[in-house]
Amino acid sequence: MNATANDMLDPLTIAERWMDDGRMVALATVVETWGSAPRPVGSHLVIDGEGNFHGSVSGGCVEGAVIGEAMEVISEGEPRMLEFGVADETAWRVGLSCGGRIRVYVERIG
């Protein structure tokens, strides 16, 4: 398969390659944002069963929290809708202090 440099960086392309390699994969997608959010709707983060990841849904500790949830989604097979926002007590803990909120859908794929 011939791939351009951009394809190699695309999280969905990476997910496809990981699945072709037999890895269990979860896909996290930003589905909604309010106010100031680091990444736009449609941004992706792919995570494999070993905790490797590629892409971005927010940055900082929010991604750490999403990766942790994704590991459980891979194990259990049940998708989850996550929400992080400044109104949440957890927002400061996970690093979303920019005044916005994001919703991230995490699902196992493949």
PDB file of N, CA and C in Angstrom:
ATOM      1  N   MET A   1       0.843  -1.169   0.000  1.00  0.00           N
ATOM      2  CA  MET A   1       0.000   0.000   0.000  1.00  0.00           C
ATOM      3  C   MET A   1       0.893   1.238   0.000  1.00  0.00           C
ATOM      4  N   ASN A   2       0.699   2.131  -0.969  1.00  0.00           N
ATOM      5  CA  ASN A   2       1.439   3.385  -1.004  1.00  0.00           C
ATOM      6  C   ASN A   2       0.700   4.411  -0.166  1.00  0.00           C
ATOM      7  N   ALA A   3       1.430   5.105   0.672  1.00  0.00           N
ATOM      8  CA  ALA A   3       0.802   6.092   1.555  1.00  0.00           C
ATOM      9  C   ALA A   3       1.597   7.379   1.504  1.00  0.00           C
ATOM     10  N   THR A   4       0.886   8.480   1.530  1.00  0.00           N
ATOM     11  CA  THR A   4       1.542   9.776   1.594  1.00  0.00           C
ATOM     12  C   THR A   4       1.888  10.070   3.043  1.00  0.00           C
ATOM     13  N   ALA A   5       2.716  11.092   3.245  1.00  0.00           N
ATOM     14  CA  ALA A   5       3.077  11.482   4.608  1.00  0.00           C
ATOM     15  C   ALA A   5       1.833  11.863   5.404  1.00  0.00           C
ATOM     16  N   ASN A   6       0.872  12.537   4.757  1.00  0.00           N
ATOM     17  CA  ASN A   6      -0.360  12.929   5.459  1.00  0.00           C
ATOM     18  C   ASN A   6      -1.176  11.716   5.865  1.00  0.00           C
ATOM     19  N   ASP A   7      -1.255  10.680   4.990  1.00  0.00           N
ATOM     20  CA  ASP A   7      -1.989   9.470   5.338  1.00  0.00           C
ATOM     21  C   ASP A   7      -1.380   8.819   6.566  1.00  0.00           C
ATOM     22  N   MET A   8      -0.067   8.846   6.647  1.00  0.00           N
ATOM     23  CA  MET A   8       0.612   8.208   7.762  1.00  0.00           C
ATOM     24  C   MET A   8       0.276   8.893   9.081  1.00  0.00           C
ATOM     25  N   LEU A   9      -0.108  10.156   9.031  1.00  0.00           N
ATOM     26  CA  LEU A   9      -0.427  10.896  10.239  1.00  0.00           C
ATOM     27  C   LEU A   9      -1.920  10.889  10.570  1.00  0.00           C
ATOM     28  N   ASP A  10      -2.758  10.463   9.630  1.00  0.00           N
ATOM     29  CA  ASP A  10      -4.203  10.461   9.840  1.00  0.00           C
ATOM     30  C   ASP A  10      -4.579   9.359  10.840  1.00  0.00           C
ATOM     31  N   PRO A  11      -5.239   9.716  11.934  1.00  0.00           N
ATOM     32  CA  PRO A  11      -5.600   8.708  12.939  1.00  0.00           C
ATOM     33  C   PRO A  11      -6.444   7.559  12.392  1.00  0.00           C
ATOM     34  N   LEU A  12      -7.322   7.824  11.431  1.00  0.00           N
ATOM     35  CA  LEU A  12      -8.156   6.750  10.895  1.00  0.00           C
ATOM     36  C   LEU A  12      -7.327   5.767  10.072  1.00  0.00           C
ATOM     37  N   THR A  13      -6.324   6.278   9.360  1.00  0.00           N
ATOM     38  CA  THR A  13      -5.413   5.408   8.623  1.00  0.00           C
ATOM     39  C   THR A  13      -4.599   4.561   9.590  1.00  0.00           C
ATOM     40  N   ILE A  14      -4.143   5.188  10.663  1.00  0.00           N
ATOM     41  CA  ILE A  14      -3.386   4.456  11.692  1.00  0.00           C
ATOM     42  C   ILE A  14      -4.268   3.365  12.302  1.00  0.00           C
ATOM     43  N   ALA A  15      -5.525   3.691  12.586  1.00  0.00           N
ATOM     44  CA  ALA A  15      -6.449   2.701  13.161  1.00  0.00           C
ATOM     45  C   ALA A  15      -6.600   1.509  12.223  1.00  0.00           C
ATOM     46  N   GLU A  16      -6.752   1.784  10.939  1.00  0.00           N
ATOM     47  CA  GLU A  16      -6.907   0.708   9.962  1.00  0.00           C
ATOM     48  C   GLU A  16      -5.659  -0.184   9.943  1.00  0.00           C
ATOM     49  N   ARG A  17      -4.508   0.412   9.983  1.00  0.00           N
ATOM     50  CA  ARG A  17      -3.258  -0.364   9.988  1.00  0.00           C
ATOM     51  C   ARG A  17      -3.137  -1.206  11.260  1.00  0.00           C
ATOM     52  N   TRP A  18      -3.484  -0.598  12.396  1.00  0.00           N
ATOM     53  CA  TRP A  18      -3.412  -1.340  13.654  1.00  0.00           C
ATOM     54  C   TRP A  18      -4.358  -2.534  13.627  1.00  0.00           C
ATOM     55  N   MET A  19      -5.572  -2.332  13.094  1.00  0.00           N
ATOM     56  CA  MET A  19      -6.525  -3.444  13.016  1.00  0.00           C
ATOM     57  C   MET A  19      -6.012  -4.513  12.062  1.00  0.00           C
ATOM     58  N   ASP A  20      -5.404  -4.107  10.945  1.00  0.00           N
ATOM     59  CA  ASP A  20      -4.813  -5.067  10.006  1.00  0.00           C
ATOM     60  C   ASP A  20      -3.720  -5.892  10.680  1.00  0.00           C
ATOM     61  N   ASP A  21      -3.052  -5.278  11.676  1.00  0.00           N
ATOM     62  CA  ASP A  21      -2.001  -5.976  12.433  1.00  0.00           C
ATOM     63  C   ASP A  21      -2.581  -6.847  13.549  1.00  0.00           C
ATOM     64  N   GLY A  22      -3.916  -6.870  13.671  1.00  0.00           N
ATOM     65  CA  GLY A  22      -4.556  -7.705  14.675  1.00  0.00           C
ATOM     66  C   GLY A  22      -4.737  -7.046  16.031  1.00  0.00           C
ATOM     67  N   ARG A  23      -4.522  -5.745  16.103  1.00  0.00           N
ATOM     68  CA  ARG A  23      -4.676  -5.055  17.384  1.00  0.00           C
ATOM     69  C   ARG A  23      -6.144  -4.726  17.651  1.00  0.00           C
ATOM     70  N   MET A  24      -6.517  -4.704  18.928  1.00  0.00           N
ATOM     71  CA  MET A  24      -7.825  -4.197  19.352  1.00  0.00           C
ATOM     72  C   MET A  24      -7.704  -2.675  19.396  1.00  0.00           C
ATOM     73  N   VAL A  25      -8.703  -1.974  18.845  1.00  0.00           N
ATOM     74  CA  VAL A  25      -8.597  -0.524  18.683  1.00  0.00           C
ATOM     75  C   VAL A  25      -9.884   0.164  19.124  1.00  0.00           C
ATOM     76  N   ALA A  26      -9.717   1.308  19.778  1.00  0.00           N
ATOM     77  CA  ALA A  26     -10.847   2.184  20.095  1.00  0.00           C
ATOM     78  C   ALA A  26     -10.636   3.506  19.374  1.00  0.00           C
ATOM     79  N   LEU A  27     -11.747   4.128  19.002  1.00  0.00           N
ATOM     80  CA  LEU A  27     -11.729   5.427  18.338  1.00  0.00           C
ATOM     81  C   LEU A  27     -12.465   6.427  19.215  1.00  0.00           C
ATOM     82  N   ALA A  28     -11.787   7.522  19.545  1.00  0.00           N
ATOM     83  CA  ALA A  28     -12.410   8.620  20.298  1.00  0.00           C
ATOM     84  C   ALA A  28     -12.610   9.779  19.323  1.00  0.00           C
ATOM     85  N   THR A  29     -13.819  10.328  19.303  1.00  0.00           N
ATOM     86  CA  THR A  29     -14.165  11.398  18.372  1.00  0.00           C
ATOM     87  C   THR A  29     -14.799  12.558  19.135  1.00  0.00           C
ATOM     88  N   VAL A  30     -14.321  13.772  18.895  1.00  0.00           N
ATOM     89  CA  VAL A  30     -14.961  14.963  19.457  1.00  0.00           C
ATOM     90  C   VAL A  30     -16.281  15.139  18.711  1.00  0.00           C
ATOM     91  N   VAL A  31     -17.397  15.074  19.443  1.00  0.00           N
ATOM     92  CA  VAL A  31     -18.712  15.168  18.810  1.00  0.00           C
ATOM     93  C   VAL A  31     -19.404  16.500  19.075  1.00  0.00           C
ATOM     94  N   GLU A  32     -18.934  17.230  20.081  1.00  0.00           N
ATOM     95  CA  GLU A  32     -19.561  18.519  20.386  1.00  0.00           C
ATOM     96  C   GLU A  32     -18.594  19.355  21.207  1.00  0.00           C
ATOM     97  N   THR A  33     -18.595  20.667  20.949  1.00  0.00           N
ATOM     98  CA  THR A  33     -17.797  21.594  21.748  1.00  0.00           C
ATOM     99  C   THR A  33     -18.643  22.813  22.079  1.00  0.00           C
ATOM    100  N   TRP A  34     -18.325  23.440  23.192  1.00  0.00           N
ATOM    101  CA  TRP A  34     -18.950  24.704  23.587  1.00  0.00           C
ATOM    102  C   TRP A  34     -17.834  25.619  24.048  1.00  0.00           C
ATOM    103  N   GLY A  35     -17.919  26.896  23.676  1.00  0.00           N
ATOM    104  CA  GLY A  35     -16.915  27.853  24.134  1.00  0.00           C
ATOM    105  C   GLY A  35     -15.547  27.531  23.568  1.00  0.00           C
ATOM    106  N   SER A  36     -14.547  27.771  24.360  1.00  0.00           N
ATOM    107  CA  SER A  36     -13.168  27.552  23.945  1.00  0.00           C
ATOM    108  C   SER A  36     -12.806  26.083  24.128  1.00  0.00           C
ATOM    109  N   ALA A  37     -12.483  25.418  23.025  1.00  0.00           N
ATOM    110  CA  ALA A  37     -12.082  24.007  23.080  1.00  0.00           C
ATOM    111  C   ALA A  37     -10.815  23.848  22.241  1.00  0.00           C
ATOM    112  N   PRO A  38      -9.874  23.042  22.721  1.00  0.00           N
ATOM    113  CA  PRO A  38      -8.594  22.915  22.027  1.00  0.00           C
ATOM    114  C   PRO A  38      -8.663  22.265  20.646  1.00  0.00           C
ATOM    115  N   ARG A  39      -9.633  21.377  20.417  1.00  0.00           N
ATOM    116  CA  ARG A  39      -9.730  20.658  19.142  1.00  0.00           C
ATOM    117  C   ARG A  39     -11.161  20.755  18.623  1.00  0.00           C
ATOM    118  N   PRO A  40     -11.338  20.848  17.305  1.00  0.00           N
ATOM    119  CA  PRO A  40     -12.679  20.987  16.736  1.00  0.00           C
ATOM    120  C   PRO A  40     -13.450  19.673  16.696  1.00  0.00           C
ATOM    121  N   VAL A  41     -14.762  19.788  16.494  1.00  0.00           N
ATOM    122  CA  VAL A  41     -15.623  18.631  16.281  1.00  0.00           C
ATOM    123  C   VAL A  41     -15.042  17.823  15.117  1.00  0.00           C
ATOM    124  N   GLY A  42     -15.043  16.509  15.279  1.00  0.00           N
ATOM    125  CA  GLY A  42     -14.517  15.626  14.242  1.00  0.00           C
ATOM    126  C   GLY A  42     -13.077  15.199  14.477  1.00  0.00           C
ATOM    127  N   SER A  43     -12.424  15.787  15.468  1.00  0.00           N
ATOM    128  CA  SER A  43     -11.049  15.381  15.775  1.00  0.00           C
ATOM    129  C   SER A  43     -11.054  13.968  16.334  1.00  0.00           C
ATOM    130  N   HIS A  44     -10.005  13.197  15.992  1.00  0.00           N
ATOM    131  CA  HIS A  44      -9.940  11.784  16.387  1.00  0.00           C
ATOM    132  C   HIS A  44      -8.682  11.463  17.174  1.00  0.00           C
ATOM    133  N   LEU A  45      -8.841  10.491  18.056  1.00  0.00           N
ATOM    134  CA  LEU A  45      -7.737   9.873  18.782  1.00  0.00           C
ATOM    135  C   LEU A  45      -7.982   8.372  18.705  1.00  0.00           C
ATOM    136  N   VAL A  46      -6.991   7.613  18.239  1.00  0.00           N
ATOM    137  CA  VAL A  46      -7.120   6.152  18.217  1.00  0.00           C
ATOM    138  C   VAL A  46      -6.215   5.577  19.291  1.00  0.00           C
ATOM    139  N   ILE A  47      -6.698   4.517  19.925  1.00  0.00           N
ATOM    140  CA  ILE A  47      -5.993   3.895  21.045  1.00  0.00           C
ATOM    141  C   ILE A  47      -6.023   2.387  20.810  1.00  0.00           C
ATOM    142  N   ASP A  48      -4.890   1.719  21.037  1.00  0.00           N
ATOM    143  CA  ASP A  48      -4.900   0.264  20.922  1.00  0.00           C
ATOM    144  C   ASP A  48      -4.933  -0.370  22.313  1.00  0.00           C
ATOM    145  N   GLY A  49      -5.060  -1.682  22.338  1.00  0.00           N
ATOM    146  CA  GLY A  49      -5.198  -2.413  23.591  1.00  0.00           C
ATOM    147  C   GLY A  49      -3.985  -2.362  24.492  1.00  0.00           C
ATOM    148  N   GLU A  50      -2.854  -1.903  23.955  1.00  0.00           N
ATOM    149  CA  GLU A  50      -1.628  -1.767  24.749  1.00  0.00           C
ATOM    150  C   GLU A  50      -1.461  -0.349  25.293  1.00  0.00           C
ATOM    151  N   GLY A  51      -2.385   0.547  24.929  1.00  0.00           N
ATOM    152  CA  GLY A  51      -2.289   1.932  25.387  1.00  0.00           C
ATOM    153  C   GLY A  51      -1.556   2.857  24.438  1.00  0.00           C
ATOM    154  N   ASN A  52      -1.140   2.345  23.268  1.00  0.00           N
ATOM    155  CA  ASN A  52      -0.551   3.224  22.260  1.00  0.00           C
ATOM    156  C   ASN A  52      -1.656   4.105  21.702  1.00  0.00           C
ATOM    157  N   PHE A  53      -1.326   5.332  21.328  1.00  0.00           N
ATOM    158  CA  PHE A  53      -2.344   6.225  20.798  1.00  0.00           C
ATOM    159  C   PHE A  53      -1.768   7.116  19.711  1.00  0.00           C
ATOM    160  N   HIS A  54      -2.675   7.642  18.874  1.00  0.00           N
ATOM    161  CA  HIS A  54      -2.293   8.537  17.785  1.00  0.00           C
ATOM    162  C   HIS A  54      -3.452   9.493  17.538  1.00  0.00           C
ATOM    163  N   GLY A  55      -3.138  10.763  17.328  1.00  0.00           N
ATOM    164  CA  GLY A  55      -4.160  11.776  17.102  1.00  0.00           C
ATOM    165  C   GLY A  55      -4.360  12.604  18.356  1.00  0.00           C
ATOM    166  N   SER A  56      -5.459  13.388  18.370  1.00  0.00           N
ATOM    167  CA  SER A  56      -5.721  14.255  19.512  1.00  0.00           C
ATOM    168  C   SER A  56      -7.193  14.640  19.570  1.00  0.00           C
ATOM    169  N   VAL A  57      -7.747  14.639  20.774  1.00  0.00           N
ATOM    170  CA  VAL A  57      -9.104  15.141  20.983  1.00  0.00           C
ATOM    171  C   VAL A  57      -9.117  16.379  21.873  1.00  0.00           C
ATOM    172  N   SER A  58      -8.020  16.655  22.549  1.00  0.00           N
ATOM    173  CA  SER A  58      -7.989  17.829  23.416  1.00  0.00           C
ATOM    174  C   SER A  58      -6.573  18.233  23.787  1.00  0.00           C
ATOM    175  N   GLY A  59      -5.797  17.318  24.247  1.00  0.00           N
ATOM    176  CA  GLY A  59      -4.460  17.641  24.729  1.00  0.00           C
ATOM    177  C   GLY A  59      -4.387  17.491  26.236  1.00  0.00           C
ATOM    178  N   GLY A  60      -3.179  17.443  26.721  1.00  0.00           N
ATOM    179  CA  GLY A  60      -2.948  17.393  28.159  1.00  0.00           C
ATOM    180  C   GLY A  60      -3.594  16.214  28.837  1.00  0.00           C
ATOM    181  N   CYS A  61      -4.047  16.456  30.047  1.00  0.00           N
ATOM    182  CA  CYS A  61      -4.590  15.386  30.889  1.00  0.00           C
ATOM    183  C   CYS A  61      -5.943  14.880  30.409  1.00  0.00           C
ATOM    184  N   VAL A  62      -6.673  15.682  29.623  1.00  0.00           N
ATOM    185  CA  VAL A  62      -7.945  15.198  29.083  1.00  0.00           C
ATOM    186  C   VAL A  62      -7.677  13.961  28.238  1.00  0.00           C
ATOM    187  N   GLU A  63      -6.627  14.014  27.428  1.00  0.00           N
ATOM    188  CA  GLU A  63      -6.316  12.850  26.598  1.00  0.00           C
ATOM    189  C   GLU A  63      -5.953  11.647  27.456  1.00  0.00           C
ATOM    190  N   GLY A  64      -5.269  11.866  28.554  1.00  0.00           N
ATOM    191  CA  GLY A  64      -4.966  10.764  29.458  1.00  0.00           C
ATOM    192  C   GLY A  64      -6.232  10.118  29.978  1.00  0.00           C
ATOM    193  N   ALA A  65      -7.219  10.935  30.331  1.00  0.00           N
ATOM    194  CA  ALA A  65      -8.498  10.413  30.818  1.00  0.00           C
ATOM    195  C   ALA A  65      -9.231   9.659  29.708  1.00  0.00           C
ATOM    196  N   VAL A  66      -9.204  10.197  28.481  1.00  0.00           N
ATOM    197  CA  VAL A  66      -9.863   9.544  27.348  1.00  0.00           C
ATOM    198  C   VAL A  66      -9.188   8.201  27.053  1.00  0.00           C
ATOM    199  N   ILE A  67      -7.861   8.163  27.091  1.00  0.00           N
ATOM    200  CA  ILE A  67      -7.133   6.918  26.845  1.00  0.00           C
ATOM    201  C   ILE A  67      -7.508   5.866  27.890  1.00  0.00           C
ATOM    202  N   GLY A  68      -7.595   6.267  29.150  1.00  0.00           N
ATOM    203  CA  GLY A  68      -8.008   5.342  30.200  1.00  0.00           C
ATOM    204  C   GLY A  68      -9.396   4.784  29.956  1.00  0.00           C
ATOM    205  N   GLU A  69     -10.329   5.639  29.570  1.00  0.00           N
ATOM    206  CA  GLU A  69     -11.693   5.186  29.267  1.00  0.00           C
ATOM    207  C   GLU A  69     -11.689   4.277  28.040  1.00  0.00           C
ATOM    208  N   ALA A  70     -10.874   4.624  27.048  1.00  0.00           N
ATOM    209  CA  ALA A  70     -10.808   3.822  25.825  1.00  0.00           C
ATOM    210  C   ALA A  70     -10.307   2.411  26.110  1.00  0.00           C
ATOM    211  N   MET A  71      -9.380   2.287  27.033  1.00  0.00           N
ATOM    212  CA  MET A  71      -8.873   0.963  27.400  1.00  0.00           C
ATOM    213  C   MET A  71     -10.015   0.101  27.959  1.00  0.00           C
ATOM    214  N   GLU A  72     -10.903   0.718  28.749  1.00  0.00           N
ATOM    215  CA  GLU A  72     -12.054  -0.013  29.277  1.00  0.00           C
ATOM    216  C   GLU A  72     -13.049  -0.349  28.173  1.00  0.00           C
ATOM    217  N   VAL A  73     -13.236   0.573  27.227  1.00  0.00           N
ATOM    218  CA  VAL A  73     -14.138   0.324  26.096  1.00  0.00           C
ATOM    219  C   VAL A  73     -13.622  -0.856  25.273  1.00  0.00           C
ATOM    220  N   ILE A  74     -12.313  -0.922  25.060  1.00  0.00           N
ATOM    221  CA  ILE A  74     -11.729  -2.049  24.323  1.00  0.00           C
ATOM    222  C   ILE A  74     -12.027  -3.355  25.060  1.00  0.00           C
ATOM    223  N   SER A  75     -11.852  -3.355  26.371  1.00  0.00           N
ATOM    224  CA  SER A  75     -12.077  -4.567  27.169  1.00  0.00           C
ATOM    225  C   SER A  75     -13.542  -4.978  27.215  1.00  0.00           C
ATOM    226  N   GLU A  76     -14.424  -3.995  27.430  1.00  0.00           N
ATOM    227  CA  GLU A  76     -15.836  -4.289  27.658  1.00  0.00           C
ATOM    228  C   GLU A  76     -16.680  -4.288  26.390  1.00  0.00           C
ATOM    229  N   GLY A  77     -16.248  -3.551  25.372  1.00  0.00           N
ATOM    230  CA  GLY A  77     -16.996  -3.476  24.120  1.00  0.00           C
ATOM    231  C   GLY A  77     -18.147  -2.501  24.103  1.00  0.00           C
ATOM    232  N   GLU A  78     -18.411  -1.831  25.224  1.00  0.00           N
ATOM    233  CA  GLU A  78     -19.524  -0.886  25.304  1.00  0.00           C
ATOM    234  C   GLU A  78     -19.011   0.543  25.062  1.00  0.00           C
ATOM    235  N   PRO A  79     -19.601   1.265  24.091  1.00  0.00           N
ATOM    236  CA  PRO A  79     -19.162   2.640  23.843  1.00  0.00           C
ATOM    237  C   PRO A  79     -19.527   3.559  25.004  1.00  0.00           C
ATOM    238  N   ARG A  80     -18.850   4.695  25.060  1.00  0.00           N
ATOM    239  CA  ARG A  80     -19.102   5.682  26.121  1.00  0.00           C
ATOM    240  C   ARG A  80     -19.099   7.087  25.538  1.00  0.00           C
ATOM    241  N   MET A  81     -19.944   7.938  26.139  1.00  0.00           N
ATOM    242  CA  MET A  81     -19.922   9.361  25.831  1.00  0.00           C
ATOM    243  C   MET A  81     -19.293  10.061  27.034  1.00  0.00           C
ATOM    244  N   LEU A  82     -18.194  10.759  26.793  1.00  0.00           N
ATOM    245  CA  LEU A  82     -17.483  11.460  27.862  1.00  0.00           C
ATOM    246  C   LEU A  82     -17.699  12.949  27.707  1.00  0.00           C
ATOM    247  N   GLU A  83     -17.767  13.644  28.818  1.00  0.00           N
ATOM    248  CA  GLU A  83     -17.890  15.097  28.767  1.00  0.00           C
ATOM    249  C   GLU A  83     -16.902  15.707  29.744  1.00  0.00           C
ATOM    250  N   PHE A  84     -16.179  16.694  29.256  1.00  0.00           N
ATOM    251  CA  PHE A  84     -15.237  17.442  30.075  1.00  0.00           C
ATOM    252  C   PHE A  84     -15.573  18.908  29.925  1.00  0.00           C
ATOM    253  N   GLY A  85     -15.655  19.628  31.057  1.00  0.00           N
ATOM    254  CA  GLY A  85     -15.983  21.040  30.984  1.00  0.00           C
ATOM    255  C   GLY A  85     -15.540  21.784  32.202  1.00  0.00           C
ATOM    256  N   VAL A  86     -15.422  23.090  32.043  1.00  0.00           N
ATOM    257  CA  VAL A  86     -14.927  23.920  33.128  1.00  0.00           C
ATOM    258  C   VAL A  86     -15.894  23.929  34.309  1.00  0.00           C
ATOM    259  N   ALA A  87     -17.179  23.639  34.055  1.00  0.00           N
ATOM    260  CA  ALA A  87     -18.143  23.588  35.150  1.00  0.00           C
ATOM    261  C   ALA A  87     -17.969  22.320  35.986  1.00  0.00           C
ATOM    262  N   ASP A  88     -17.318  21.337  35.400  1.00  0.00           N
ATOM    263  CA  ASP A  88     -17.052  20.083  36.091  1.00  0.00           C
ATOM    264  C   ASP A  88     -15.930  20.258  37.098  1.00  0.00           C
ATOM    265  N   GLU A  89     -16.059  19.639  38.243  1.00  0.00           N
ATOM    266  CA  GLU A  89     -14.956  19.616  39.200  1.00  0.00           C
ATOM    267  C   GLU A  89     -13.754  18.910  38.584  1.00  0.00           C
ATOM    268  N   THR A  90     -14.045  17.933  37.710  1.00  0.00           N
ATOM    269  CA  THR A  90     -12.954  17.180  37.086  1.00  0.00           C
ATOM    270  C   THR A  90     -12.218  17.984  36.026  1.00  0.00           C
ATOM    271  N   ALA A  91     -12.810  19.068  35.531  1.00  0.00           N
ATOM    272  CA  ALA A  91     -12.176  19.847  34.461  1.00  0.00           C
ATOM    273  C   ALA A  91     -10.801  20.333  34.874  1.00  0.00           C
ATOM    274  N   TRP A  92     -10.695  20.856  36.053  1.00  0.00           N
ATOM    275  CA  TRP A  92      -9.392  21.355  36.510  1.00  0.00           C
ATOM    276  C   TRP A  92      -8.425  20.207  36.717  1.00  0.00           C
ATOM    277  N   ARG A  93      -8.942  19.083  37.205  1.00  0.00           N
ATOM    278  CA  ARG A  93      -8.093  17.926  37.442  1.00  0.00           C
ATOM    279  C   ARG A  93      -7.500  17.389  36.146  1.00  0.00           C
ATOM    280  N   VAL A  94      -8.295  17.388  35.059  1.00  0.00           N
ATOM    281  CA  VAL A  94      -7.801  16.846  33.797  1.00  0.00           C
ATOM    282  C   VAL A  94      -7.243  17.913  32.868  1.00  0.00           C
ATOM    283  N   GLY A  95      -7.234  19.170  33.309  1.00  0.00           N
ATOM    284  CA  GLY A  95      -6.550  20.199  32.538  1.00  0.00           C
ATOM    285  C   GLY A  95      -7.402  20.971  31.549  1.00  0.00           C
ATOM    286  N   LEU A  96      -8.739  20.936  31.651  1.00  0.00           N
ATOM    287  CA  LEU A  96      -9.589  21.694  30.733  1.00  0.00           C
ATOM    288  C   LEU A  96     -10.062  22.959  31.438  1.00  0.00           C
ATOM    289  N   SER A  97      -9.135  23.874  31.629  1.00  0.00           N
ATOM    290  CA  SER A  97      -9.455  25.107  32.351  1.00  0.00           C
ATOM    291  C   SER A  97      -9.617  26.287  31.391  1.00  0.00           C
ATOM    292  N   CYS A  98      -9.813  26.014  30.098  1.00  0.00           N
ATOM    293  CA  CYS A  98      -9.872  27.071  29.084  1.00  0.00           C
ATOM    294  C   CYS A  98     -11.249  27.709  28.977  1.00  0.00           C
ATOM    295  N   GLY A  99     -12.205  27.264  29.750  1.00  0.00           N
ATOM    296  CA  GLY A  99     -13.523  27.873  29.722  1.00  0.00           C
ATOM    297  C   GLY A  99     -14.490  27.171  28.791  1.00  0.00           C
ATOM    298  N   GLY A 100     -14.087  26.092  28.164  1.00  0.00           N
ATOM    299  CA  GLY A 100     -14.964  25.377  27.241  1.00  0.00           C
ATOM    300  C   GLY A 100     -15.376  24.028  27.774  1.00  0.00           C
ATOM    301  N   ARG A 101     -16.176  23.348  26.954  1.00  0.00           N
ATOM    302  CA  ARG A 101     -16.582  21.977  27.253  1.00  0.00           C
ATOM    303  C   ARG A 101     -16.468  21.166  25.976  1.00  0.00           C
ATOM    304  N   ILE A 102     -16.161  19.895  26.131  1.00  0.00           N
ATOM    305  CA  ILE A 102     -16.135  19.005  24.974  1.00  0.00           C
ATOM    306  C   ILE A 102     -16.843  17.700  25.327  1.00  0.00           C
ATOM    307  N   ARG A 103     -17.461  17.102  24.308  1.00  0.00           N
ATOM    308  CA  ARG A 103     -18.026  15.760  24.422  1.00  0.00           C
ATOM    309  C   ARG A 103     -17.255  14.869  23.470  1.00  0.00           C
ATOM    310  N   VAL A 104     -16.859  13.709  23.974  1.00  0.00           N
ATOM    311  CA  VAL A 104     -16.055  12.767  23.202  1.00  0.00           C
ATOM    312  C   VAL A 104     -16.729  11.405  23.235  1.00  0.00           C
ATOM    313  N   TYR A 105     -16.997  10.861  22.049  1.00  0.00           N
ATOM    314  CA  TYR A 105     -17.589   9.531  21.930  1.00  0.00           C
ATOM    315  C   TYR A 105     -16.470   8.530  21.729  1.00  0.00           C
ATOM    316  N   VAL A 106     -16.446   7.498  22.545  1.00  0.00           N
ATOM    317  CA  VAL A 106     -15.395   6.474  22.482  1.00  0.00           C
ATOM    318  C   VAL A 106     -16.054   5.141  22.153  1.00  0.00           C
ATOM    319  N   GLU A 107     -15.569   4.487  21.080  1.00  0.00           N
ATOM    320  CA  GLU A 107     -16.121   3.212  20.658  1.00  0.00           C
ATOM    321  C   GLU A 107     -15.004   2.260  20.228  1.00  0.00           C
ATOM    322  N   ARG A 108     -15.264   0.981  20.422  1.00  0.00           N
ATOM    323  CA  ARG A 108     -14.333  -0.035  19.919  1.00  0.00           C
ATOM    324  C   ARG A 108     -14.647  -0.238  18.440  1.00  0.00           C
ATOM    325  N   ILE A 109     -13.616  -0.330  17.627  1.00  0.00           N
ATOM    326  CA  ILE A 109     -13.816  -0.528  16.195  1.00  0.00           C
ATOM    327  C   ILE A 109     -13.085  -1.784  15.731  1.00  0.00           C
ATOM    328  N   GLY A 110     -13.500  -2.279  14.579  1.00  0.00           N
ATOM    329  CA  GLY A 110     -12.813  -3.426  13.991  1.00  0.00           C
ATOM    330  C   GLY A 110     -13.375  -4.752  14.407  1.00  0.00           C
TER     331      GLY A 110
END
